[in-house]
Amino acid sequence: MTLWAGIVAVIGTVGMVFAGLFAARATKQAAAATAEATQAAARVSAGPNERAEDRAAFDSIKTELRQDLSATREELKSLRSLVRAFAWYVGELTTQMRANRIDPPAPPPRVDEYNRTGV
């Protein structure tokens, strides 16, 4: 082997080592970029699923609140009906007392206020 062949072989070997290091560095950076891109894609694709879960939870809460509101309205109607019936009954008893010349007791302040204001 000649001197020039030996120098070329050494330079070629050193060049191959540098090329290998450069390729390894580039591969490492590419792997990191790929991992970051994969994570970003996962975050983006998880967004609609999270929104769908939030929407389902919101719909569930909304349905439950509507049921509670309906039950409360029905209870309120029932109580109003009961109060009206009771007021009519007390009015009839008061009329019977007056017809028999019995003075009925004065109504409580809250009833008197309602009779004056309607509230």
N, C-alpha and C. Protein backbone atom coordinates (compact mmCIF):
# COMPACT_ATOMS: atom_id res chain seq x y z
N MET A 1 0.86 -1.15 0.00
CA MET A 1 0.00 0.00 0.00
C MET A 1 0.91 1.22 0.00
N THR A 2 0.49 2.17 -0.76
CA THR A 2 1.30 3.37 -0.87
C THR A 2 0.89 4.37 0.18
N LEU A 3 1.71 5.36 0.29
CA LEU A 3 1.44 6.41 1.27
C LEU A 3 0.13 7.11 0.96
N TRP A 4 -0.07 7.38 -0.31
CA TRP A 4 -1.30 8.07 -0.69
C TRP A 4 -2.52 7.21 -0.44
N ALA A 5 -2.41 5.96 -0.66
CA ALA A 5 -3.54 5.06 -0.42
C ALA A 5 -3.85 5.01 1.08
N GLY A 6 -2.80 5.02 1.90
CA GLY A 6 -3.00 5.01 3.34
C GLY A 6 -3.67 6.29 3.82
N ILE A 7 -3.23 7.46 3.26
CA ILE A 7 -3.83 8.75 3.64
C ILE A 7 -5.30 8.79 3.22
N VAL A 8 -5.59 8.34 2.03
CA VAL A 8 -6.97 8.33 1.55
C VAL A 8 -7.81 7.40 2.43
N ALA A 9 -7.26 6.27 2.82
CA ALA A 9 -7.99 5.33 3.66
C ALA A 9 -8.29 5.95 5.02
N VAL A 10 -7.31 6.66 5.60
CA VAL A 10 -7.51 7.31 6.90
C VAL A 10 -8.54 8.44 6.77
N ILE A 11 -8.39 9.26 5.72
CA ILE A 11 -9.35 10.36 5.51
C ILE A 11 -10.75 9.79 5.28
N GLY A 12 -10.83 8.72 4.50
CA GLY A 12 -12.12 8.07 4.25
C GLY A 12 -12.73 7.54 5.52
N THR A 13 -11.90 6.95 6.36
CA THR A 13 -12.39 6.41 7.64
C THR A 13 -12.87 7.54 8.54
N VAL A 14 -12.05 8.61 8.64
CA VAL A 14 -12.45 9.76 9.46
C VAL A 14 -13.74 10.37 8.90
N GLY A 15 -13.82 10.47 7.58
CA GLY A 15 -15.04 11.01 6.95
C GLY A 15 -16.25 10.15 7.24
N MET A 16 -16.08 8.84 7.24
CA MET A 16 -17.18 7.93 7.55
C MET A 16 -17.64 8.09 9.00
N VAL A 17 -16.67 8.28 9.91
CA VAL A 17 -17.01 8.47 11.32
C VAL A 17 -17.81 9.77 11.48
N PHE A 18 -17.33 10.86 10.87
CA PHE A 18 -18.06 12.13 10.94
C PHE A 18 -19.44 12.01 10.29
N ALA A 19 -19.53 11.32 9.17
CA ALA A 19 -20.82 11.13 8.50
C ALA A 19 -21.75 10.32 9.40
N GLY A 20 -21.21 9.31 10.07
CA GLY A 20 -22.02 8.50 10.99
C GLY A 20 -22.52 9.33 12.16
N LEU A 21 -21.64 10.17 12.73
CA LEU A 21 -22.05 11.05 13.84
C LEU A 21 -23.11 12.04 13.38
N PHE A 22 -22.91 12.61 12.20
CA PHE A 22 -23.88 13.56 11.66
C PHE A 22 -25.23 12.87 11.43
N ALA A 23 -25.21 11.67 10.88
CA ALA A 23 -26.44 10.92 10.63
C ALA A 23 -27.12 10.56 11.95
N ALA A 24 -26.34 10.18 12.96
CA ALA A 24 -26.91 9.84 14.26
C ALA A 24 -27.57 11.06 14.89
N ARG A 25 -26.90 12.21 14.81
CA ARG A 25 -27.46 13.45 15.36
C ARG A 25 -28.75 13.82 14.64
N ALA A 26 -28.73 13.70 13.32
CA ALA A 26 -29.92 14.03 12.54
C ALA A 26 -31.06 13.06 12.85
N THR A 27 -30.73 11.80 13.03
CA THR A 27 -31.75 10.79 13.36
C THR A 27 -32.36 11.07 14.73
N LYS A 28 -31.50 11.45 15.69
CA LYS A 28 -31.98 11.75 17.04
C LYS A 28 -32.93 12.96 17.01
N GLN A 29 -32.56 14.00 16.26
CA GLN A 29 -33.41 15.18 16.14
C GLN A 29 -34.71 14.84 15.42
N ALA A 30 -34.62 14.01 14.41
CA ALA A 30 -35.84 13.61 13.69
C ALA A 30 -36.76 12.80 14.58
N ALA A 31 -36.19 11.93 15.41
CA ALA A 31 -37.01 11.14 16.34
C ALA A 31 -37.70 12.05 17.35
N ALA A 32 -36.98 13.05 17.85
CA ALA A 32 -37.57 13.99 18.80
C ALA A 32 -38.70 14.78 18.14
N ALA A 33 -38.47 15.23 16.90
CA ALA A 33 -39.50 15.98 16.18
C ALA A 33 -40.72 15.10 15.91
N THR A 34 -40.49 13.85 15.57
CA THR A 34 -41.59 12.92 15.33
C THR A 34 -42.39 12.67 16.60
N ALA A 35 -41.69 12.51 17.72
CA ALA A 35 -42.38 12.30 19.00
C ALA A 35 -43.22 13.52 19.36
N GLU A 36 -42.66 14.70 19.16
CA GLU A 36 -43.40 15.93 19.46
C GLU A 36 -44.63 16.06 18.56
N ALA A 37 -44.46 15.74 17.28
CA ALA A 37 -45.59 15.80 16.35
C ALA A 37 -46.66 14.78 16.72
N THR A 38 -46.25 13.61 17.16
CA THR A 38 -47.21 12.57 17.57
C THR A 38 -47.99 13.04 18.80
N GLN A 39 -47.29 13.65 19.75
CA GLN A 39 -47.97 14.16 20.94
C GLN A 39 -48.95 15.27 20.57
N ALA A 40 -48.54 16.16 19.68
CA ALA A 40 -49.42 17.24 19.25
C ALA A 40 -50.67 16.69 18.55
N ALA A 41 -50.45 15.68 17.72
CA ALA A 41 -51.59 15.05 17.03
C ALA A 41 -52.53 14.39 18.03
N ALA A 42 -51.98 13.78 19.06
CA ALA A 42 -52.80 13.14 20.08
C ALA A 42 -53.61 14.18 20.84
N ARG A 43 -52.98 15.33 21.15
CA ARG A 43 -53.71 16.40 21.84
C ARG A 43 -54.83 16.93 20.97
N VAL A 44 -54.56 17.11 19.69
CA VAL A 44 -55.57 17.64 18.78
C VAL A 44 -56.72 16.65 18.62
N SER A 45 -56.39 15.37 18.48
CA SER A 45 -57.45 14.38 18.30
C SER A 45 -58.22 14.14 19.60
N ALA A 46 -57.62 14.40 20.74
CA ALA A 46 -58.32 14.24 22.02
C ALA A 46 -59.30 15.38 22.26
N GLY A 47 -59.08 16.52 21.64
CA GLY A 47 -59.94 17.68 21.84
C GLY A 47 -61.41 17.40 21.53
N PRO A 48 -61.74 16.88 20.35
CA PRO A 48 -63.15 16.60 20.06
C PRO A 48 -63.76 15.57 21.00
N ASN A 49 -62.97 14.58 21.42
CA ASN A 49 -63.49 13.59 22.36
C ASN A 49 -63.81 14.24 23.70
N GLU A 50 -62.93 15.12 24.16
CA GLU A 50 -63.18 15.82 25.42
C GLU A 50 -64.42 16.70 25.30
N ARG A 51 -64.55 17.38 24.15
CA ARG A 51 -65.74 18.21 23.95
C ARG A 51 -67.00 17.35 23.92
N ALA A 52 -66.92 16.19 23.30
CA ALA A 52 -68.08 15.29 23.26
C ALA A 52 -68.44 14.82 24.66
N GLU A 53 -67.42 14.51 25.47
CA GLU A 53 -67.68 14.10 26.85
C GLU A 53 -68.28 15.25 27.65
N ASP A 54 -67.74 16.46 27.46
CA ASP A 54 -68.30 17.64 28.14
C ASP A 54 -69.74 17.86 27.72
N ARG A 55 -70.02 17.71 26.43
CA ARG A 55 -71.38 17.90 25.92
C ARG A 55 -72.33 16.87 26.51
N ALA A 56 -71.87 15.62 26.60
CA ALA A 56 -72.70 14.56 27.18
C ALA A 56 -72.99 14.86 28.66
N ALA A 57 -71.98 15.31 29.38
CA ALA A 57 -72.17 15.65 30.80
C ALA A 57 -73.13 16.83 30.92
N PHE A 58 -72.98 17.83 30.06
CA PHE A 58 -73.87 19.00 30.08
C PHE A 58 -75.30 18.57 29.78
N ASP A 59 -75.49 17.72 28.79
CA ASP A 59 -76.84 17.24 28.45
C ASP A 59 -77.46 16.47 29.61
N SER A 60 -76.65 15.68 30.29
CA SER A 60 -77.14 14.92 31.44
C SER A 60 -77.58 15.86 32.56
N ILE A 61 -76.76 16.86 32.84
CA ILE A 61 -77.10 17.83 33.89
C ILE A 61 -78.35 18.60 33.49
N LYS A 62 -78.41 19.00 32.22
CA LYS A 62 -79.57 19.76 31.74
C LYS A 62 -80.86 18.94 31.86
N THR A 63 -80.79 17.66 31.50
CA THR A 63 -81.97 16.79 31.60
C THR A 63 -82.41 16.65 33.06
N GLU A 64 -81.43 16.46 33.93
CA GLU A 64 -81.76 16.31 35.36
C GLU A 64 -82.39 17.60 35.91
N LEU A 65 -81.83 18.75 35.53
CA LEU A 65 -82.39 20.02 36.01
C LEU A 65 -83.80 20.25 35.46
N ARG A 66 -84.04 19.86 34.21
CA ARG A 66 -85.39 20.01 33.65
C ARG A 66 -86.38 19.12 34.38
N GLN A 67 -85.96 17.91 34.73
CA GLN A 67 -86.84 17.02 35.49
C GLN A 67 -87.14 17.62 36.86
N ASP A 68 -86.10 18.14 37.51
CA ASP A 68 -86.30 18.78 38.82
C ASP A 68 -87.23 19.98 38.70
N LEU A 69 -87.05 20.77 37.67
CA LEU A 69 -87.89 21.94 37.46
C LEU A 69 -89.34 21.53 37.22
N SER A 70 -89.55 20.49 36.43
CA SER A 70 -90.92 20.00 36.18
C SER A 70 -91.56 19.52 37.48
N ALA A 71 -90.78 18.78 38.29
CA ALA A 71 -91.30 18.29 39.56
C ALA A 71 -91.64 19.47 40.49
N THR A 72 -90.78 20.48 40.50
CA THR A 72 -91.02 21.65 41.34
C THR A 72 -92.27 22.40 40.88
N ARG A 73 -92.44 22.53 39.57
CA ARG A 73 -93.64 23.20 39.04
C ARG A 73 -94.91 22.44 39.42
N GLU A 74 -94.86 21.13 39.31
CA GLU A 74 -96.03 20.32 39.68
C GLU A 74 -96.34 20.47 41.17
N GLU A 75 -95.30 20.47 41.99
CA GLU A 75 -95.49 20.64 43.43
C GLU A 75 -96.07 22.02 43.73
N LEU A 76 -95.57 23.04 43.02
CA LEU A 76 -96.07 24.39 43.22
C LEU A 76 -97.54 24.49 42.83
N LYS A 77 -97.92 23.87 41.71
CA LYS A 77 -99.33 23.86 41.30
C LYS A 77 -100.20 23.19 42.36
N SER A 78 -99.69 22.07 42.88
CA SER A 78 -100.43 21.34 43.91
C SER A 78 -100.61 22.19 45.17
N LEU A 79 -99.51 22.86 45.58
CA LEU A 79 -99.59 23.70 46.78
C LEU A 79 -100.53 24.89 46.58
N ARG A 80 -100.47 25.50 45.40
CA ARG A 80 -101.39 26.62 45.12
C ARG A 80 -102.83 26.15 45.18
N SER A 81 -103.09 24.98 44.61
CA SER A 81 -104.44 24.42 44.64
C SER A 81 -104.89 24.16 46.07
N LEU A 82 -103.98 23.62 46.88
CA LEU A 82 -104.29 23.35 48.28
C LEU A 82 -104.58 24.65 49.04
N VAL A 83 -103.78 25.68 48.81
CA VAL A 83 -103.98 26.96 49.51
C VAL A 83 -105.32 27.57 49.10
N ARG A 84 -105.63 27.52 47.80
CA ARG A 84 -106.92 28.06 47.35
C ARG A 84 -108.09 27.30 47.97
N ALA A 85 -108.00 25.97 48.00
CA ALA A 85 -109.06 25.17 48.59
C ALA A 85 -109.20 25.47 50.08
N PHE A 86 -108.05 25.59 50.75
CA PHE A 86 -108.08 25.89 52.18
C PHE A 86 -108.66 27.29 52.42
N ALA A 87 -108.30 28.26 51.58
CA ALA A 87 -108.84 29.62 51.73
C ALA A 87 -110.35 29.61 51.51
N TRP A 88 -110.81 28.85 50.53
CA TRP A 88 -112.25 28.77 50.28
C TRP A 88 -112.95 28.14 51.48
N TYR A 89 -112.36 27.07 52.04
CA TYR A 89 -112.92 26.38 53.18
C TYR A 89 -113.01 27.31 54.40
N VAL A 90 -111.92 28.03 54.67
CA VAL A 90 -111.91 28.97 55.80
C VAL A 90 -112.93 30.08 55.56
N GLY A 91 -113.07 30.53 54.33
CA GLY A 91 -114.08 31.55 54.01
C GLY A 91 -115.48 31.04 54.28
N GLU A 92 -115.75 29.79 53.93
CA GLU A 92 -117.06 29.21 54.21
C GLU A 92 -117.31 29.10 55.71
N LEU A 93 -116.29 28.67 56.45
CA LEU A 93 -116.45 28.57 57.91
C LEU A 93 -116.69 29.96 58.52
N THR A 94 -115.97 30.96 58.01
CA THR A 94 -116.15 32.32 58.52
C THR A 94 -117.57 32.80 58.23
N THR A 95 -118.08 32.50 57.05
CA THR A 95 -119.45 32.89 56.69
C THR A 95 -120.45 32.20 57.61
N GLN A 96 -120.24 30.91 57.90
CA GLN A 96 -121.15 30.20 58.81
C GLN A 96 -121.10 30.80 60.21
N MET A 97 -119.90 31.18 60.67
CA MET A 97 -119.77 31.78 61.99
C MET A 97 -120.53 33.09 62.05
N ARG A 98 -120.40 33.90 61.02
CA ARG A 98 -121.10 35.20 61.01
C ARG A 98 -122.61 34.99 60.91
N ALA A 99 -123.03 33.97 60.16
CA ALA A 99 -124.46 33.68 60.04
C ALA A 99 -125.04 33.28 61.39
N ASN A 100 -124.26 32.68 62.24
CA ASN A 100 -124.70 32.29 63.59
C ASN A 100 -124.31 33.33 64.63
N ARG A 101 -124.00 34.51 64.17
CA ARG A 101 -123.65 35.66 65.04
C ARG A 101 -122.45 35.38 65.94
N ILE A 102 -121.45 34.67 65.36
CA ILE A 102 -120.19 34.43 66.08
C ILE A 102 -119.13 35.24 65.34
N ASP A 103 -118.43 36.05 66.10
CA ASP A 103 -117.39 36.87 65.49
C ASP A 103 -116.13 36.02 65.29
N PRO A 104 -115.66 35.82 64.02
CA PRO A 104 -114.46 35.00 63.81
C PRO A 104 -113.21 35.76 64.26
N PRO A 105 -112.15 35.01 64.63
CA PRO A 105 -110.91 35.69 65.04
C PRO A 105 -110.29 36.42 63.84
N ALA A 106 -109.52 37.43 64.15
CA ALA A 106 -108.84 38.20 63.09
C ALA A 106 -107.79 37.30 62.42
N PRO A 107 -107.61 37.46 61.12
CA PRO A 107 -106.61 36.63 60.43
C PRO A 107 -105.20 37.01 60.85
N PRO A 108 -104.25 36.10 60.68
CA PRO A 108 -102.85 36.41 60.99
C PRO A 108 -102.35 37.56 60.10
N PRO A 109 -101.31 38.26 60.54
CA PRO A 109 -100.81 39.41 59.76
C PRO A 109 -100.45 39.05 58.31
N ARG A 110 -99.89 37.88 58.10
CA ARG A 110 -99.51 37.49 56.73
C ARG A 110 -100.73 37.35 55.83
N VAL A 111 -101.82 36.78 56.35
CA VAL A 111 -103.06 36.63 55.57
C VAL A 111 -103.66 38.00 55.31
N ASP A 112 -103.66 38.86 56.31
CA ASP A 112 -104.18 40.21 56.13
C ASP A 112 -103.38 40.97 55.08
N GLU A 113 -102.06 40.82 55.10
CA GLU A 113 -101.21 41.47 54.09
C GLU A 113 -101.54 40.94 52.69
N TYR A 114 -101.73 39.64 52.56
CA TYR A 114 -102.06 39.05 51.26
C TYR A 114 -103.42 39.57 50.79
N ASN A 115 -104.35 39.67 51.68
CA ASN A 115 -105.70 40.17 51.30
C ASN A 115 -105.62 41.63 50.82
N ARG A 116 -104.71 42.41 51.41
CA ARG A 116 -104.59 43.81 51.00
C ARG A 116 -103.78 43.98 49.72
N THR A 117 -102.68 43.23 49.57
CA THR A 117 -101.74 43.47 48.47
C THR A 117 -101.82 42.42 47.35
N GLY A 118 -102.28 41.22 47.67
CA GLY A 118 -102.31 40.16 46.66
C GLY A 118 -100.95 39.48 46.50
N VAL A 119 -100.03 39.80 47.37
CA VAL A 119 -98.69 39.20 47.28
C VAL A 119 -98.36 38.50 48.58
